[in-house]
Protein backbone atom coordinates (compact mmCIF):
# COMPACT_ATOMS: atom_id res chain seq x y z
CA MET A 1 19.13 52.23 -13.87
CA ASP A 2 22.24 51.29 -12.08
CA ASN A 3 23.92 48.39 -13.68
CA ASN A 4 26.87 48.39 -11.24
CA LYS A 5 24.94 46.62 -8.33
CA PRO A 6 25.74 42.87 -8.16
CA TYR A 7 22.90 40.56 -8.75
CA GLU A 8 21.31 39.63 -5.39
CA SER A 9 19.35 36.55 -4.93
CA ASN A 10 18.00 34.75 -1.91
CA ASN A 11 19.68 31.35 -2.19
CA GLU A 12 18.57 30.27 1.29
CA ASP A 13 15.37 28.70 -0.30
CA LEU A 14 17.30 26.68 -2.74
CA LEU A 15 19.53 25.31 0.05
CA ASN A 16 16.44 24.42 2.15
CA SER A 17 15.94 20.65 2.02
CA THR A 18 12.19 20.97 1.70
CA THR A 19 12.15 23.27 -1.45
CA ALA A 20 15.19 21.95 -3.31
CA PRO A 21 14.58 20.06 -6.44
CA MET A 22 14.54 16.39 -6.06
CA THR A 23 17.20 14.48 -7.74
CA PHE A 24 16.99 11.61 -10.18
CA GLY A 25 17.94 9.16 -7.49
CA ASP A 26 15.27 10.61 -5.17
CA TRP A 27 12.58 10.11 -7.68
CA MET A 28 13.81 6.50 -8.47
CA LEU A 29 13.64 5.66 -4.74
CA THR A 30 10.32 7.45 -4.25
CA ILE A 31 8.65 5.33 -7.12
CA LEU A 32 10.53 2.12 -6.01
CA LEU A 33 8.82 2.61 -2.50
CA LEU A 34 5.47 3.18 -4.13
CA MET A 35 5.57 -0.25 -5.79
CA ILE A 36 5.38 -1.96 -2.36
CA PRO A 37 1.74 -2.74 -1.58
CA LEU A 38 0.28 -1.16 1.73
CA VAL A 39 3.54 0.55 2.39
CA ASN A 40 2.79 2.86 -0.64
CA ILE A 41 -0.36 4.11 0.90
CA MET A 42 1.19 4.74 4.32
CA LEU A 43 4.10 6.56 2.73
CA LEU A 44 1.79 8.72 0.58
CA PHE A 45 -0.02 9.88 3.60
CA VAL A 46 3.21 10.68 5.45
CA TRP A 47 4.62 12.42 2.61
CA ALA A 48 1.55 14.41 1.83
CA PHE A 49 0.92 15.69 5.38
CA SER A 50 4.52 15.98 6.96
CA SER A 51 5.96 19.37 7.46
CA GLU A 52 9.60 18.02 6.79
CA THR A 53 8.91 16.40 3.40
CA ASN A 54 10.25 17.97 0.28
CA LEU A 55 7.60 20.24 -1.41
CA ASN A 56 7.88 18.35 -4.77
CA LYS A 57 7.33 14.97 -3.02
CA LYS A 58 4.46 16.47 -0.88
CA ASN A 59 2.60 17.72 -3.97
CA PHE A 60 3.31 14.46 -5.78
CA ALA A 61 1.98 12.44 -2.82
CA LYS A 62 -1.29 14.59 -2.59
CA ALA A 63 -1.96 14.17 -6.34
CA GLN A 64 -1.35 10.37 -6.05
CA LEU A 65 -3.88 10.24 -3.11
CA ILE A 66 -6.52 12.18 -4.99
CA PHE A 67 -6.09 9.82 -8.10
CA MET A 68 -6.38 6.75 -5.83
CA GLY A 69 -9.57 8.18 -4.25
CA ILE A 70 -10.94 8.75 -7.75
CA GLY A 71 -10.06 5.20 -8.88
CA ILE A 72 -11.75 3.72 -5.74
CA ILE A 73 -14.88 5.62 -6.25
CA LEU A 74 -15.09 4.71 -10.09
CA SER A 75 -14.27 1.07 -9.15
CA ILE A 76 -17.16 1.09 -6.56
CA ILE A 77 -19.44 2.65 -9.08
CA PHE A 78 -18.54 0.10 -11.81
CA VAL A 79 -18.82 -2.95 -9.47
CA SER A 80 -22.27 -1.62 -8.19
CA CYS A 81 -23.51 -1.24 -11.74
CA SER A 82 -22.20 -4.68 -12.90
CA THR A 83 -23.65 -6.30 -9.92
CA ALA A 84 -27.10 -4.70 -10.39
CA MET A 85 -27.04 -5.80 -14.12
CA VAL A 86 -26.18 -9.36 -13.20
CA MET A 87 -28.84 -9.47 -10.45
CA ASN A 88 -31.52 -8.32 -12.82
CA SER A 89 -30.89 -10.96 -15.32
CA PHE A 90 -31.93 -13.53 -13.02
């Protein structure tokens, strides 16, 4: 094994804005923007499906959309069951 070779790494990926780690400030701004009603849903779709969005933010947006969908489905089921129970009591 030749130990005299310098360590070579491909730093181009680290410099790419779509794959670089998000900073603390980026996360703070992201979470702050997601607190705004209706804007949060639009931003999640833009971040989830844009090719120019940071990979970390893209995956976070996809996960948020999945959890929102699950929450909506569970809410519909809960309201439907509650309504059916109330209607049966009359």
